[in-house]
Amino acid sequence: MSKNAVANRYAVALFQVAKQKGTLTETQEQLRTVQQAVKENPVFSEVLGHPKVTAEKKKEIFKSIFGKAVSDTVMNTFFVLIDHRRENVLLEMIDDFNKHSNEDQGIAEAKVYTTKAISEEDINTLTSGFAKKLGKKQLRVENIIDPELIGGIKIRIGDRIYDGSVKRQLQRLERQLVTGNVRR
């Protein structure tokens, strides 16, 4: 079975339990905390994947790091991953859980690339406009500062990219000039 299919099975199981308990939002926040910690500490991933570190030791490590930050349900999910030697799908499982949870709650995740941080007011304007356009209740925005942008904004929502950057507009103009299709 592929790594993605395995991750999705665990994600679906956790999603169903969290939904049944009414803790989708809390579980998603807890998993984000774990995901960020794992991504920021590559040594943690190495320890988790190391074959000479016993399952019990891995559980101890998880419990000492995340014991107070996550619910028993989330902790037990980690323990099941460890018991079945599936620690390598942890990050994919969290991504899959987020997709299921967001879909269920009518939320879309957006990455907004700008030259400088955007204000809360601008985020709210983007959120309301794009959420309606996508048929979602809410848009969760992550603002990423991209020094390569000359100006403007670029938004990535799932596999869609809305590019209103100056760089993109200049490329479009250049293409029109080269092909002789300049609008008057």
Protein backbone atom coordinates (compact mmCIF):
# COMPACT_ATOMS: atom_id res chain seq x y z
CA MET A 1 0.00 0.00 0.00
CA SER A 2 1.35 3.44 -0.88
CA LYS A 3 2.50 5.91 1.74
CA ASN A 4 -0.30 8.33 0.76
CA ALA A 5 -3.00 5.68 1.10
CA VAL A 6 -1.70 4.68 4.53
CA ALA A 7 -1.55 8.30 5.70
CA ASN A 8 -5.09 8.87 4.44
CA ARG A 9 -6.45 5.84 6.33
CA TYR A 10 -5.09 7.13 9.62
CA ALA A 11 -6.28 10.65 8.81
CA VAL A 12 -9.81 9.46 8.04
CA ALA A 13 -9.94 7.43 11.26
CA LEU A 14 -8.81 10.41 13.36
CA PHE A 15 -11.18 12.71 11.46
CA GLN A 16 -14.16 10.44 12.16
CA VAL A 17 -13.33 10.23 15.87
CA ALA A 18 -12.79 14.00 16.16
CA LYS A 19 -16.02 14.73 14.30
CA GLN A 20 -17.96 12.29 16.47
CA LYS A 21 -16.56 13.94 19.62
CA GLY A 22 -17.14 17.44 18.22
CA THR A 23 -13.45 18.35 18.47
CA LEU A 24 -12.52 18.92 14.83
CA THR A 25 -11.23 22.46 15.31
CA GLU A 26 -9.26 21.63 18.45
CA THR A 27 -7.77 18.51 16.90
CA GLN A 28 -6.76 20.45 13.80
CA GLU A 29 -5.04 23.12 15.91
CA GLN A 30 -3.20 20.46 17.91
CA LEU A 31 -2.04 18.72 14.75
CA ARG A 32 -0.82 22.04 13.33
CA THR A 33 1.29 22.53 16.44
CA VAL A 34 2.80 19.06 16.03
CA GLN A 35 3.36 19.59 12.31
CA GLN A 36 5.16 22.88 12.87
CA ALA A 37 7.34 21.39 15.61
CA VAL A 38 8.30 18.41 13.46
CA LYS A 39 9.11 20.59 10.44
CA GLU A 40 11.19 23.01 12.51
CA ASN A 41 13.17 20.22 14.18
CA PRO A 42 14.57 17.77 11.61
CA VAL A 43 16.32 15.85 14.40
CA PHE A 44 12.89 14.86 15.69
CA SER A 45 12.06 13.23 12.34
CA GLU A 46 15.40 11.43 12.34
CA VAL A 47 14.76 10.00 15.81
CA LEU A 48 11.24 8.93 14.84
CA GLY A 49 12.49 7.15 11.74
CA HIS A 50 15.55 5.58 13.32
CA PRO A 51 15.20 1.78 13.47
CA LYS A 52 17.27 1.42 16.65
CA VAL A 53 14.97 3.68 18.70
CA THR A 54 12.36 1.42 20.29
CA ALA A 55 8.63 2.04 20.00
CA GLU A 56 8.43 2.62 23.76
CA LYS A 57 11.17 5.25 23.60
CA LYS A 58 9.42 6.98 20.68
CA LYS A 59 6.19 7.05 22.70
CA GLU A 60 8.04 8.54 25.66
CA ILE A 61 9.50 11.23 23.42
CA PHE A 62 6.08 12.07 21.99
CA LYS A 63 4.52 12.16 25.42
CA SER A 64 7.26 14.38 26.88
CA ILE A 65 7.10 16.86 23.99
CA PHE A 66 3.38 16.92 23.18
CA GLY A 67 1.77 15.42 26.29
CA LYS A 68 0.13 18.66 27.44
CA ALA A 69 -0.36 20.14 23.97
CA VAL A 70 -2.54 17.41 22.47
CA SER A 71 -5.61 15.44 23.50
CA ASP A 72 -5.58 11.77 24.39
CA THR A 73 -7.18 11.01 21.02
CA VAL A 74 -4.33 12.67 19.12
CA MET A 75 -1.70 11.09 21.38
CA ASN A 76 -3.27 7.64 20.90
CA THR A 77 -3.20 8.17 17.13
CA PHE A 78 0.53 8.86 17.35
CA PHE A 79 0.98 5.74 19.46
CA VAL A 80 -0.89 3.62 16.89
CA LEU A 81 1.36 5.03 14.15
CA ILE A 82 4.40 4.08 16.23
CA ASP A 83 3.07 0.60 17.07
CA HIS A 84 2.49 -0.12 13.37
CA ARG A 85 5.84 1.41 12.37
CA ARG A 86 4.15 4.14 10.37
CA GLU A 87 5.91 7.15 11.89
CA ASN A 88 7.07 8.08 8.40
CA VAL A 89 3.51 9.08 7.40
CA LEU A 90 2.95 11.50 10.29
CA LEU A 91 3.19 14.73 8.27
CA GLU A 92 1.16 13.34 5.36
CA MET A 93 -1.47 12.09 7.82
CA ILE A 94 -1.75 15.58 9.31
CA ASP A 95 -2.09 17.11 5.83
CA ASP A 96 -4.81 14.62 4.93
CA PHE A 97 -6.63 15.25 8.22
CA ASN A 98 -6.57 18.99 7.50
CA LYS A 99 -8.03 18.42 4.03
CA HIS A 100 -10.89 16.31 5.40
CA SER A 101 -11.54 18.71 8.26
CA ASN A 102 -11.45 21.80 6.05
CA GLU A 103 -13.78 20.20 3.50
CA ASP A 104 -16.23 19.26 6.23
CA GLN A 105 -16.18 22.76 7.72
CA GLY A 106 -16.30 24.61 4.39
CA ILE A 107 -12.83 26.08 4.78
CA ALA A 108 -10.20 26.61 2.10
CA GLU A 109 -6.54 27.25 2.86
CA ALA A 110 -4.84 30.06 0.96
CA LYS A 111 -1.24 31.14 0.68
CA VAL A 112 -1.02 34.83 -0.10
CA TYR A 113 2.33 36.00 -1.46
CA THR A 114 3.10 39.70 -1.06
CA THR A 115 6.15 41.97 -0.85
CA LYS A 116 5.28 42.98 2.71
CA ALA A 117 2.90 41.81 5.41
CA ILE A 118 -0.72 42.62 4.67
CA SER A 119 -3.14 44.11 7.19
CA GLU A 120 -5.97 42.28 8.93
CA GLU A 121 -8.41 44.45 6.96
CA ASP A 122 -6.88 43.34 3.65
CA ILE A 123 -6.95 39.71 4.78
CA ASN A 124 -10.64 40.04 5.67
CA THR A 125 -11.37 41.58 2.26
CA LEU A 126 -9.52 38.76 0.49
CA THR A 127 -11.19 36.14 2.64
CA SER A 128 -14.73 37.30 2.01
CA GLY A 129 -14.22 37.74 -1.74
CA PHE A 130 -12.43 34.47 -2.45
CA ALA A 131 -14.52 32.38 -0.03
CA LYS A 132 -17.68 33.33 -1.94
CA LYS A 133 -15.95 32.72 -5.27
CA LEU A 134 -14.94 29.22 -4.16
CA GLY A 135 -18.24 28.40 -2.47
CA LYS A 136 -16.61 28.11 0.96
CA LYS A 137 -17.66 29.52 4.31
CA GLN A 138 -14.20 30.66 5.27
CA LEU A 139 -10.71 31.14 3.91
CA ARG A 140 -7.71 30.47 6.16
CA VAL A 141 -4.92 32.79 5.00
CA GLU A 142 -1.19 32.36 5.42
CA ASN A 143 0.68 35.50 4.34
CA ILE A 144 4.09 34.71 2.83
CA ILE A 145 6.54 37.51 2.17
CA ASP A 146 8.09 36.96 -1.27
CA PRO A 147 10.99 39.34 -2.03
CA GLU A 148 10.94 38.20 -5.69
CA LEU A 149 7.61 39.93 -6.26
CA ILE A 150 7.99 43.46 -7.57
CA GLY A 151 4.54 44.35 -6.32
CA GLY A 152 0.97 43.13 -6.37
CA ILE A 153 -0.27 39.88 -4.94
CA LYS A 154 -0.28 36.18 -5.75
CA ILE A 155 -2.75 33.77 -4.14
CA ARG A 156 -2.58 29.98 -4.11
CA ILE A 157 -5.71 28.09 -3.04
CA GLY A 158 -5.32 24.36 -3.45
CA ASP A 159 -4.13 23.81 -6.99
CA ARG A 160 -5.35 27.20 -8.24
CA ILE A 161 -3.12 30.25 -8.54
CA TYR A 162 -4.47 33.77 -8.86
CA ASP A 163 -1.55 35.89 -9.99
CA GLY A 164 -2.02 39.66 -9.82
CA SER A 165 1.66 40.39 -9.35
CA VAL A 166 3.46 43.13 -11.26
CA LYS A 167 5.95 40.51 -12.48
CA ARG A 168 3.13 38.47 -14.06
CA GLN A 169 1.59 41.56 -15.65
CA LEU A 170 4.96 42.50 -17.15
CA GLN A 171 5.38 38.96 -18.52
CA ARG A 172 1.91 39.14 -20.06
CA LEU A 173 2.72 42.52 -21.65
CA GLU A 174 6.04 41.19 -22.98
CA ARG A 175 4.28 38.20 -24.55
CA GLN A 176 1.74 40.51 -26.18
CA LEU A 177 4.47 42.74 -27.57
CA VAL A 178 6.42 39.79 -28.97
CA THR A 179 3.37 38.24 -30.65
CA GLY A 180 2.01 41.60 -31.79
CA ASN A 181 -1.29 41.15 -29.95
CA VAL A 182 -1.24 44.43 -28.06
CA ARG A 183 -4.73 45.59 -27.16
CA ARG A 184 -5.52 49.20 -27.94
